[in-house]
Protein backbone atom coordinates (compact mmCIF):
# COMPACT_ATOMS: atom_id res chain seq x y z
CA MET A 1 0.00 0.00 0.00
CA THR A 2 1.11 3.57 -0.63
CA ALA A 3 0.45 6.78 1.29
CA GLY A 4 -3.20 7.75 1.00
CA ASP A 5 -4.29 4.26 -0.13
CA PRO A 6 -8.03 3.90 0.73
CA ALA A 7 -7.35 0.35 1.92
CA MET A 8 -5.66 1.87 4.97
CA GLY A 9 -8.93 3.44 6.07
CA PHE A 10 -9.65 7.07 6.86
CA GLY A 11 -9.35 8.86 10.20
CA VAL A 12 -10.78 11.91 11.93
CA TYR A 13 -8.90 13.59 14.78
CA LEU A 14 -10.66 16.11 17.06
CA HIS A 15 -8.45 18.33 19.19
CA VAL A 16 -9.77 19.63 22.52
CA PRO A 17 -7.24 22.23 23.75
CA PHE A 18 -8.49 22.76 27.31
CA CYS A 19 -6.84 21.52 30.51
CA ALA A 20 -7.45 22.05 34.21
CA SER A 21 -3.69 22.40 34.72
CA LYS A 22 -0.56 22.13 32.62
CA CYS A 23 1.68 19.11 33.13
CA GLU A 24 5.37 19.83 33.69
CA TYR A 25 6.41 18.03 30.49
CA CYS A 26 3.63 19.11 28.11
CA ALA A 27 4.34 21.15 24.97
CA PHE A 28 1.02 20.46 23.23
CA ALA A 29 -1.34 23.22 22.08
CA THR A 30 -3.35 23.33 25.30
CA TRP A 31 -4.55 26.10 27.62
CA THR A 32 -5.67 26.23 31.24
CA ASP A 33 -7.19 29.75 31.12
CA ARG A 34 -9.65 29.45 28.22
CA HIS A 35 -12.48 27.44 29.79
CA HIS A 36 -14.88 30.26 28.99
CA LEU A 37 -14.40 29.32 25.33
CA ILE A 38 -15.42 25.66 25.65
CA GLU A 39 -19.05 25.96 24.52
CA ARG A 40 -18.14 28.32 21.67
CA TYR A 41 -15.28 26.04 20.69
CA MET A 42 -17.46 22.93 20.49
CA ALA A 43 -19.95 24.87 18.35
CA GLY A 44 -17.04 25.85 16.12
CA VAL A 45 -15.79 22.32 15.62
CA GLU A 46 -19.36 21.30 14.69
CA VAL A 47 -19.27 23.90 11.92
CA ASP A 48 -15.79 22.80 10.81
CA LEU A 49 -16.86 19.16 10.73
CA ALA A 50 -20.06 20.01 8.84
CA ARG A 51 -17.96 21.72 6.13
CA TRP A 52 -15.99 18.53 5.59
CA VAL A 53 -19.11 16.37 5.57
CA GLU A 54 -20.81 18.66 3.04
CA ALA A 55 -17.68 18.47 0.87
CA GLY A 56 -18.08 14.69 0.68
CA MET A 57 -15.79 13.46 3.45
CA GLU A 58 -15.71 9.67 3.41
CA PRO A 59 -16.90 7.60 6.40
CA ALA A 60 -14.21 7.34 9.07
CA THR A 61 -12.80 3.96 10.03
CA SER A 62 -11.36 5.57 13.17
CA VAL A 63 -11.96 8.71 15.22
CA PHE A 64 -9.67 9.96 17.97
CA VAL A 65 -10.56 12.75 20.40
CA GLY A 66 -7.39 14.03 22.06
CA GLY A 67 -6.02 17.08 23.73
CA GLY A 68 -5.75 18.66 26.09
CA THR A 69 -8.41 17.03 28.20
CA PRO A 70 -11.51 16.06 26.21
CA SER A 71 -13.26 14.93 29.38
CA LEU A 72 -13.46 18.60 30.50
CA VAL A 73 -16.07 19.17 27.79
CA ASP A 74 -19.71 18.53 28.67
CA PRO A 75 -20.16 14.90 27.54
CA ALA A 76 -23.44 15.75 25.79
CA ASP A 77 -21.66 18.40 23.71
CA LEU A 78 -18.86 16.03 22.80
CA GLY A 79 -21.36 13.29 22.06
CA ARG A 80 -23.26 15.58 19.70
CA VAL A 81 -20.08 16.29 17.71
CA LEU A 82 -19.14 12.61 17.57
CA SER A 83 -22.62 11.68 16.40
CA ALA A 84 -22.14 14.01 13.40
CA VAL A 85 -19.04 12.14 12.16
CA PRO A 86 -19.91 9.76 9.30
CA LEU A 87 -18.63 6.35 10.41
CA ALA A 88 -17.73 3.22 8.49
CA ALA A 89 -19.12 -0.05 9.80
CA GLY A 90 -17.20 -1.21 12.87
CA ALA A 91 -15.35 2.10 13.27
CA GLU A 92 -13.06 2.62 16.26
CA VAL A 93 -13.90 5.77 18.24
CA THR A 94 -11.45 6.75 21.01
CA VAL A 95 -11.72 9.50 23.62
CA GLU A 96 -8.89 10.50 25.96
CA CYS A 97 -9.95 11.09 29.56
CA ASN A 98 -8.46 12.33 32.80
CA PRO A 99 -9.15 9.88 35.66
CA ASP A 100 -10.65 12.62 37.85
CA ASP A 101 -13.35 13.40 35.28
CA VAL A 102 -14.73 9.93 34.61
CA THR A 103 -18.24 9.21 35.86
CA ALA A 104 -20.74 6.46 35.11
CA GLU A 105 -23.02 8.98 33.40
CA MET A 106 -20.19 10.31 31.23
CA MET A 107 -19.39 6.78 30.07
CA ARG A 108 -23.06 6.12 29.27
CA ILE A 109 -23.26 9.27 27.13
CA TYR A 110 -19.99 8.42 25.39
CA ALA A 111 -21.18 4.89 24.62
CA ASP A 112 -24.48 6.21 23.26
CA ALA A 113 -22.48 8.54 20.97
CA GLY A 114 -20.57 5.58 19.53
CA VAL A 115 -17.37 5.63 21.60
CA THR A 116 -15.77 2.18 21.49
CA ARG A 117 -12.43 2.88 23.16
CA LEU A 118 -11.36 4.92 26.17
CA SER A 119 -7.77 6.11 26.68
CA LEU A 120 -7.08 7.00 30.31
CA GLY A 121 -4.19 9.32 31.18
CA VAL A 122 -2.74 7.38 34.12
CA GLN A 123 0.99 8.17 33.70
CA SER A 124 1.90 6.67 37.11
CA MET A 125 0.27 4.83 40.00
CA VAL A 126 2.61 6.43 42.54
CA ASP A 127 1.37 9.68 44.02
CA HIS A 128 4.72 11.40 44.49
CA VAL A 129 5.63 10.64 40.87
CA LEU A 130 2.30 12.08 39.69
CA ALA A 131 3.01 15.22 41.70
CA ALA A 132 6.47 15.55 40.13
CA LEU A 133 4.92 15.28 36.65
CA GLY A 134 2.42 18.00 37.48
CA ARG A 135 -0.53 15.61 37.32
CA GLN A 136 -3.52 16.48 39.51
CA HIS A 137 -5.14 13.07 39.91
CA ARG A 138 -4.04 10.45 42.43
CA ARG A 139 -3.77 6.67 42.40
CA ASP A 140 -7.18 5.89 43.91
CA ASN A 141 -8.96 7.90 41.22
CA VAL A 142 -7.54 5.66 38.51
CA ALA A 143 -9.11 2.53 39.94
CA ARG A 144 -12.44 4.31 40.35
CA ALA A 145 -12.34 5.54 36.73
CA VAL A 146 -11.50 2.07 35.42
CA ASP A 147 -14.45 0.61 37.32
CA HIS A 148 -16.79 3.11 35.63
CA ILE A 149 -15.34 2.36 32.20
CA ARG A 150 -15.54 -1.40 32.63
CA ALA A 151 -19.16 -1.13 33.83
CA SER A 152 -20.11 0.75 30.65
CA ALA A 153 -20.75 -0.45 27.10
CA ILE A 154 -17.35 0.84 25.95
CA ASP A 155 -15.42 -2.16 24.69
CA GLN A 156 -11.75 -1.30 24.98
CA LEU A 157 -9.52 0.42 27.51
CA ASN A 158 -6.07 1.90 26.98
CA LEU A 159 -3.91 3.13 29.85
CA ASP A 160 -1.29 5.78 29.07
CA LEU A 161 1.92 5.68 31.14
CA ILE A 162 5.03 7.85 31.36
CA TYR A 163 8.30 6.60 32.87
CA GLY A 164 11.61 8.21 33.70
CA ALA A 165 10.87 11.03 36.13
CA VAL A 166 13.89 11.54 38.38
CA THR A 167 11.67 11.06 41.45
CA GLU A 168 10.57 7.65 40.16
CA SER A 169 12.60 4.70 41.47
CA VAL A 170 12.63 1.33 39.74
CA ASP A 171 10.42 0.06 42.56
CA ASP A 172 7.96 2.90 41.87
CA TRP A 173 7.82 1.94 38.21
CA ASP A 174 7.39 -1.71 39.11
CA ASP A 175 4.49 -0.71 41.36
CA THR A 176 2.88 1.16 38.47
CA ILE A 177 3.33 -1.78 36.13
CA ARG A 178 1.84 -4.29 38.55
CA SER A 179 -1.04 -1.96 39.44
CA VAL A 180 -2.10 -1.27 35.86
CA LEU A 181 -1.80 -4.91 34.83
CA ALA A 182 -4.15 -5.82 37.70
CA MET A 183 -6.76 -3.66 35.93
CA GLU A 184 -6.49 -5.92 32.86
CA PRO A 185 -6.37 -3.20 30.17
CA ASP A 186 -6.72 -4.14 26.53
CA HIS A 187 -3.88 -1.80 25.55
CA ILE A 188 -1.02 0.05 27.23
CA SER A 189 0.98 2.96 25.84
CA ALA A 190 4.17 3.60 27.81
CA TYR A 191 6.29 6.59 26.83
CA ALA A 192 9.69 7.69 28.05
CA LEU A 193 9.52 11.13 29.65
CA THR A 194 10.79 13.60 27.04
CA VAL A 195 12.15 17.09 27.60
CA GLU A 196 10.30 19.51 25.31
CA ALA A 197 11.49 23.07 24.77
CA GLY A 198 9.55 25.73 26.64
CA THR A 199 8.18 23.44 29.33
CA PRO A 200 8.82 23.74 33.09
CA LEU A 201 10.70 20.44 32.84
CA ALA A 202 13.04 21.88 30.22
CA ARG A 203 13.85 24.83 32.48
CA THR A 204 15.03 22.59 35.33
CA PRO A 205 17.95 20.44 34.12
CA GLY A 206 18.18 18.68 37.49
CA ARG A 207 14.88 16.98 36.69
CA HIS A 208 15.83 15.76 33.22
CA PRO A 209 15.50 11.98 32.81
CA ASP A 210 18.47 9.62 32.62
CA ASP A 211 18.80 7.50 29.47
CA ASP A 212 20.08 4.40 31.28
CA ASP A 213 17.29 4.61 33.84
CA GLN A 214 14.68 4.86 31.10
CA ALA A 215 16.19 1.93 29.21
CA ALA A 216 16.05 -0.27 32.32
CA LYS A 217 12.43 0.74 32.93
CA TYR A 218 11.49 0.03 29.32
CA GLU A 219 12.95 -3.48 29.54
CA LEU A 220 11.12 -4.09 32.82
CA ALA A 221 7.83 -2.96 31.28
CA ASP A 222 8.25 -4.99 28.10
CA ALA A 223 8.91 -8.20 30.06
CA ALA A 224 5.96 -7.63 32.40
CA PHE A 225 3.51 -6.67 29.66
CA GLY A 226 4.58 -9.61 27.52
CA SER A 227 4.11 -12.03 30.40
CA ALA A 228 0.60 -10.64 30.86
CA GLY A 229 -0.30 -11.34 27.22
CA LEU A 230 0.18 -7.83 25.86
CA VAL A 231 2.20 -7.88 22.63
CA ASN A 232 4.52 -5.04 21.66
CA TYR A 233 3.37 -3.95 18.17
CA GLU A 234 5.00 -0.49 18.12
CA ILE A 235 7.94 0.67 20.21
CA SER A 236 5.79 2.34 22.88
CA ASN A 237 2.57 0.32 22.50
CA TRP A 238 1.40 -3.07 23.70
CA SER A 239 -1.99 -4.71 23.18
CA ARG A 240 -3.99 -7.87 23.57
CA PRO A 241 -4.82 -9.68 20.30
CA GLY A 242 -7.28 -7.62 18.29
CA ALA A 243 -6.87 -4.51 20.46
CA GLN A 244 -4.23 -2.52 18.57
CA CYS A 245 -5.13 1.14 18.18
CA ARG A 246 -6.39 1.34 14.59
CA HIS A 247 -6.25 5.13 14.54
CA ASN A 248 -2.56 5.25 15.46
CA ARG A 249 -1.82 2.47 12.99
CA LEU A 250 -3.39 4.68 10.34
CA TYR A 251 -0.87 7.42 11.19
CA TRP A 252 2.02 4.98 11.17
CA ALA A 253 0.90 3.65 7.76
CA GLN A 254 0.79 7.19 6.30
CA GLY A 255 -2.97 6.99 5.81
CA ASP A 256 -5.34 9.88 5.22
CA TYR A 257 -6.97 11.75 8.10
CA ILE A 258 -8.66 15.07 8.77
CA GLY A 259 -7.89 17.14 11.88
CA ILE A 260 -10.73 19.16 13.38
CA GLY A 261 -9.99 21.90 15.93
CA CYS A 262 -7.20 24.36 16.62
CA ALA A 263 -3.65 23.12 15.94
CA ALA A 264 -4.97 19.84 14.50
CA HIS A 265 -2.98 18.27 11.67
CA SER A 266 -4.33 16.56 8.55
CA HIS A 267 -2.94 14.44 5.72
CA ARG A 268 -4.33 13.55 2.29
CA ARG A 269 -2.41 11.85 -0.50
CA GLY A 270 0.95 13.30 0.39
CA ARG A 271 -0.24 16.75 1.44
CA ARG A 272 0.06 17.71 5.12
CA TRP A 273 -1.51 20.79 6.68
CA TRP A 274 -2.24 22.17 10.10
CA ASN A 275 -4.86 24.46 11.59
CA LEU A 276 -4.48 27.81 13.33
CA ARG A 277 -2.89 27.15 16.70
CA THR A 278 -4.91 29.17 19.21
CA PRO A 279 -8.59 28.58 19.91
CA GLU A 280 -9.37 32.28 19.44
CA ARG A 281 -7.84 32.49 15.95
CA TYR A 282 -9.42 29.18 14.97
CA LEU A 283 -12.86 30.32 16.13
CA ASP A 284 -12.56 33.70 14.44
CA ALA A 285 -11.83 31.91 11.15
CA ILE A 286 -14.75 29.53 11.60
CA GLU A 287 -17.16 32.30 12.48
CA THR A 288 -16.15 34.51 9.56
CA GLY A 289 -16.20 31.68 7.06
CA SER A 290 -12.45 31.85 6.52
CA SER A 291 -9.98 29.00 6.13
CA VAL A 292 -8.66 27.55 9.39
CA GLU A 293 -5.50 26.34 7.66
CA ALA A 294 -2.29 27.86 9.04
CA GLY A 295 0.24 26.10 6.84
CA ALA A 296 0.87 23.13 4.58
CA GLU A 297 3.53 21.08 2.85
CA GLU A 298 3.54 18.81 -0.21
CA LEU A 299 5.60 15.67 0.27
CA ASP A 300 7.60 14.39 -2.69
CA ALA A 301 7.82 10.69 -3.45
CA GLU A 302 11.24 10.27 -1.84
CA THR A 303 10.14 11.93 1.42
CA ILE A 304 7.04 9.72 1.55
CA ARG A 305 9.16 6.63 0.92
CA LEU A 306 11.75 7.43 3.58
CA GLU A 307 9.18 8.48 6.18
CA GLY A 308 7.31 5.26 5.46
CA LEU A 309 10.42 3.23 6.24
CA GLN A 310 11.09 5.19 9.44
CA LEU A 311 7.55 4.56 10.65
CA ALA A 312 7.55 0.91 9.60
CA LEU A 313 10.79 0.29 11.47
CA ARG A 314 9.00 1.17 14.71
CA MET A 315 6.38 -1.51 14.10
CA ARG A 316 6.49 -5.20 14.96
CA GLU A 317 6.39 -6.04 11.24
CA GLY A 318 9.60 -4.13 10.56
CA VAL A 319 10.96 -3.26 7.12
CA GLY A 320 11.91 -5.21 3.99
CA VAL A 321 15.38 -6.70 3.71
CA ASP A 322 16.33 -4.08 1.12
CA ALA A 323 15.67 -1.21 3.57
CA PHE A 324 19.34 -1.40 4.64
CA ASP A 325 22.33 -1.98 2.42
CA ASP A 326 24.16 -5.24 3.07
CA ASP A 327 27.01 -3.69 5.05
CA SER A 328 24.69 -1.66 7.28
CA ALA A 329 22.41 -4.65 7.87
CA ALA A 330 25.38 -6.79 8.85
CA THR A 331 26.69 -4.11 11.24
CA LEU A 332 23.30 -3.57 12.88
CA ALA A 333 22.62 -7.30 13.18
CA GLU A 334 26.06 -7.96 14.66
CA ALA A 335 25.39 -5.20 17.20
CA GLY A 336 22.16 -6.94 18.16
CA LEU A 337 19.95 -4.05 17.05
CA ILE A 338 17.99 -5.77 14.25
CA GLU A 339 16.93 -9.36 13.63
CA ARG A 340 16.01 -11.17 10.41
CA CYS A 341 12.43 -12.48 10.31
CA ASP A 342 11.76 -14.15 6.96
CA ASP A 343 12.09 -11.33 4.41
CA ARG A 344 11.94 -8.53 7.01
CA TRP A 345 14.30 -6.77 9.37
CA VAL A 346 12.76 -6.06 12.78
CA LEU A 347 14.14 -4.20 15.76
CA SER A 348 15.41 -6.29 18.66
CA LEU A 349 14.57 -5.23 22.20
CA ARG A 350 17.89 -3.37 22.32
CA GLY A 351 17.17 -1.93 18.88
CA ARG A 352 13.87 -0.48 20.08
CA LEU A 353 15.86 1.52 22.63
CA MET A 354 18.05 2.92 19.85
CA ALA A 355 15.47 3.16 17.07
CA ASN A 356 16.43 6.69 16.00
CA SER A 357 20.05 5.65 15.56
CA VAL A 358 19.06 2.53 13.61
CA ALA A 359 16.78 4.61 11.35
CA MET A 360 19.78 6.66 10.20
CA TYR A 361 20.94 3.59 8.23
CA LEU A 362 17.72 3.23 6.21
CA ARG A 363 18.17 3.76 2.51
């Protein structure tokens, strides 16, 4: 398949830029002081979505509502927007939630609106680590939220984790791993804490994560998740059979998707574009009938090809044997970074930890 191939499916991403507080590591387009805009914003995204539908937007095979904190929005308002998205049969519809916000009624409304998958921002199950990350929820709220989700008609549950805070010991991380596995999630995303420019974390070098510590924690997580029946299918993602995130796989396969909301990105047949970053500018454009597009780029065939290899390398399926020249393949294999699997090269466990370095050898 090639970029934009309809066989990949078609995705819709909805960005909700509002948060109750800003996490120490977050560089996303989110705001904590714009809650007065929420109702106006949701009305705006309805208009934006309607424009795409009227223009003949195809039914979505996956929808992802991210942020920010989508669960800050009145669930009825979010449900109304989701109900307006044309869906293909069996579509996956994911909403990200903060544990503090989840209620039984919210889950009922989400399920009625077609939500099939809930992604819960857990990050850690150790309170002092949560505090260091700038997270407002605490351990007990996660268990309560999971109970509400599991009691609803929503089929699948993902738990998002972050490891590598300097206040997090290996025992803390082990506690988090054991605690989340006890909740029997269908999917786990575990990301190494990353220092992003302009964040409070970036301004305090003494809190920057240690590479060796993160590598040890990754290996610990991979072994534990694998033993629990969760298969690593992308460097930072593990799932039970049949529970891979179809929306993220669409991104990794260079599929087509439309982004709705401020700062949202879109891709169609090799063209990428992104919306106006702030909610005010986005809403002004919507309300005056102007374009919400802030910028765009056309990808040439070589860029698409190379990006496709870089993304494929991160996946369990790996890349074709011709993705590396013979000398590079031999060097990487001898170093234990890639392994031959039939006619594919796949990253080893050690290779997953050095994926960016391995990708430099792709041709």
